[in-house]
């Protein structure tokens, strides 16, 4: 039985973000302006540009790495990254979505429990 023309939707974080909040991680071309402008990037284990890159891989391992990261909890949603992004990717909304997913799957970083 052939499935050549069947599109199988991946249940990845990137797919959920695109479906639920209409933000595409694929638009990111890794210029690094989000990370360069982020006031808490130095404290993050995964800076914003790395979160976007990991989302682009659409692998279960990287999705879990993101959900377990400290970075998603440190994000201040100050929108500096959004203001600097040439592709106008709404990273603060992505971070909020990731925090919700992390809580729902009980994957939050132990250090983040104090935030």
Protein backbone atom coordinates (compact mmCIF):
# COMPACT_ATOMS: atom_id res chain seq x y z
CA UNK A 1 0.00 0.00 0.00
CA UNK A 2 1.55 3.28 -1.13
CA UNK A 3 1.39 6.50 0.87
CA UNK A 4 3.27 8.67 -1.62
CA UNK A 5 0.79 11.54 -1.66
CA UNK A 6 -0.20 11.41 2.01
CA UNK A 7 1.02 14.33 4.10
CA UNK A 8 1.64 13.22 7.66
CA UNK A 9 1.52 16.18 10.02
CA UNK A 10 4.28 16.11 12.61
CA UNK A 11 3.26 16.73 16.18
CA UNK A 12 6.25 18.91 16.93
CA UNK A 13 6.50 22.11 18.92
CA UNK A 14 7.08 24.06 15.71
CA UNK A 15 3.92 22.60 14.17
CA UNK A 16 1.91 23.40 17.30
CA UNK A 17 3.26 26.95 17.42
CA UNK A 18 2.39 27.50 13.79
CA UNK A 19 -1.07 26.00 14.24
CA UNK A 20 -1.99 27.54 17.61
CA UNK A 21 -0.37 31.00 17.59
CA UNK A 22 0.41 31.38 13.88
CA UNK A 23 4.15 32.00 14.29
CA UNK A 24 6.50 30.20 11.93
CA UNK A 25 9.97 29.29 13.20
CA UNK A 26 10.91 28.53 9.59
CA UNK A 27 11.04 32.27 8.88
CA UNK A 28 14.08 32.63 11.17
CA UNK A 29 17.34 32.83 9.23
CA UNK A 30 19.58 32.98 12.30
CA UNK A 31 20.78 36.59 12.10
CA UNK A 32 21.14 36.62 15.90
CA UNK A 33 19.60 40.06 16.44
CA UNK A 34 17.10 38.61 18.94
CA UNK A 35 19.86 37.21 21.11
CA UNK A 36 22.04 40.31 20.73
CA UNK A 37 19.24 42.52 22.05
CA UNK A 38 17.93 40.21 24.76
CA UNK A 39 18.61 41.66 28.22
CA UNK A 40 18.74 38.19 29.83
CA UNK A 41 20.47 36.20 27.05
CA UNK A 42 23.66 35.85 29.09
CA UNK A 43 21.71 34.03 31.81
CA UNK A 44 19.97 31.66 29.40
CA UNK A 45 21.05 28.11 28.69
CA UNK A 46 19.52 28.47 25.20
CA UNK A 47 19.46 32.02 23.82
CA UNK A 48 16.45 33.01 21.70
CA UNK A 49 18.18 32.34 18.37
CA UNK A 50 19.10 28.83 19.55
CA UNK A 51 15.51 28.15 20.64
CA UNK A 52 14.38 29.14 17.16
CA UNK A 53 17.02 26.90 15.55
CA UNK A 54 16.07 23.93 17.71
CA UNK A 55 12.41 24.43 16.79
CA UNK A 56 13.40 24.34 13.12
CA UNK A 57 14.90 20.84 13.50
CA UNK A 58 11.46 19.45 14.44
CA UNK A 59 12.91 16.57 16.44
CA UNK A 60 11.45 15.12 19.62
CA UNK A 61 14.85 15.38 21.33
CA UNK A 62 15.23 19.09 20.61
CA UNK A 63 11.61 19.81 21.49
CA UNK A 64 12.17 18.23 24.89
CA UNK A 65 15.45 20.12 25.30
CA UNK A 66 13.55 23.38 24.76
CA UNK A 67 10.75 22.45 27.18
CA UNK A 68 13.29 21.52 29.86
CA UNK A 69 15.35 24.69 29.33
CA UNK A 70 15.71 27.51 31.83
CA UNK A 71 15.57 30.06 29.02
CA UNK A 72 11.85 29.88 28.39
CA UNK A 73 11.29 30.89 32.03
CA UNK A 74 13.81 33.72 31.99
CA UNK A 75 12.21 35.47 29.02
CA UNK A 76 10.82 38.82 30.19
CA UNK A 77 8.52 39.17 27.16
CA UNK A 78 9.96 42.67 26.80
CA UNK A 79 9.64 42.34 23.00
CA UNK A 80 13.18 43.59 22.32
CA UNK A 81 13.71 40.50 20.15
CA UNK A 82 10.52 41.16 18.21
CA UNK A 83 11.50 44.79 17.64
CA UNK A 84 14.91 43.77 16.33
CA UNK A 85 13.80 40.80 14.20
CA UNK A 86 13.93 41.55 10.45
CA UNK A 87 11.33 38.79 9.90
CA UNK A 88 9.07 40.10 12.72
CA UNK A 89 8.92 36.71 14.45
CA UNK A 90 6.94 37.02 17.68
CA UNK A 91 9.41 35.24 19.96
CA UNK A 92 7.72 36.46 23.19
CA UNK A 93 4.52 34.67 22.14
CA UNK A 94 6.58 31.58 21.28
CA UNK A 95 8.20 31.64 24.74
CA UNK A 96 4.78 31.95 26.40
CA UNK A 97 3.53 28.98 24.37
CA UNK A 98 6.63 26.98 25.34
CA UNK A 99 6.11 27.74 29.05
CA UNK A 100 2.53 26.51 28.82
CA UNK A 101 3.63 23.31 27.05
CA UNK A 102 6.41 22.75 29.58
CA UNK A 103 3.96 23.01 32.47
CA UNK A 104 1.38 20.83 30.74
CA UNK A 105 3.95 18.09 30.16
CA UNK A 106 5.55 18.59 33.60
CA UNK A 107 8.96 19.27 32.05
CA UNK A 108 9.74 22.62 33.63
CA UNK A 109 13.33 23.27 34.59
CA UNK A 110 13.88 22.79 38.36
CA UNK A 111 15.49 26.24 38.63
CA UNK A 112 12.38 27.78 37.08
CA UNK A 113 10.09 26.67 39.88
CA UNK A 114 11.12 29.80 41.79
CA UNK A 115 10.11 32.12 38.94
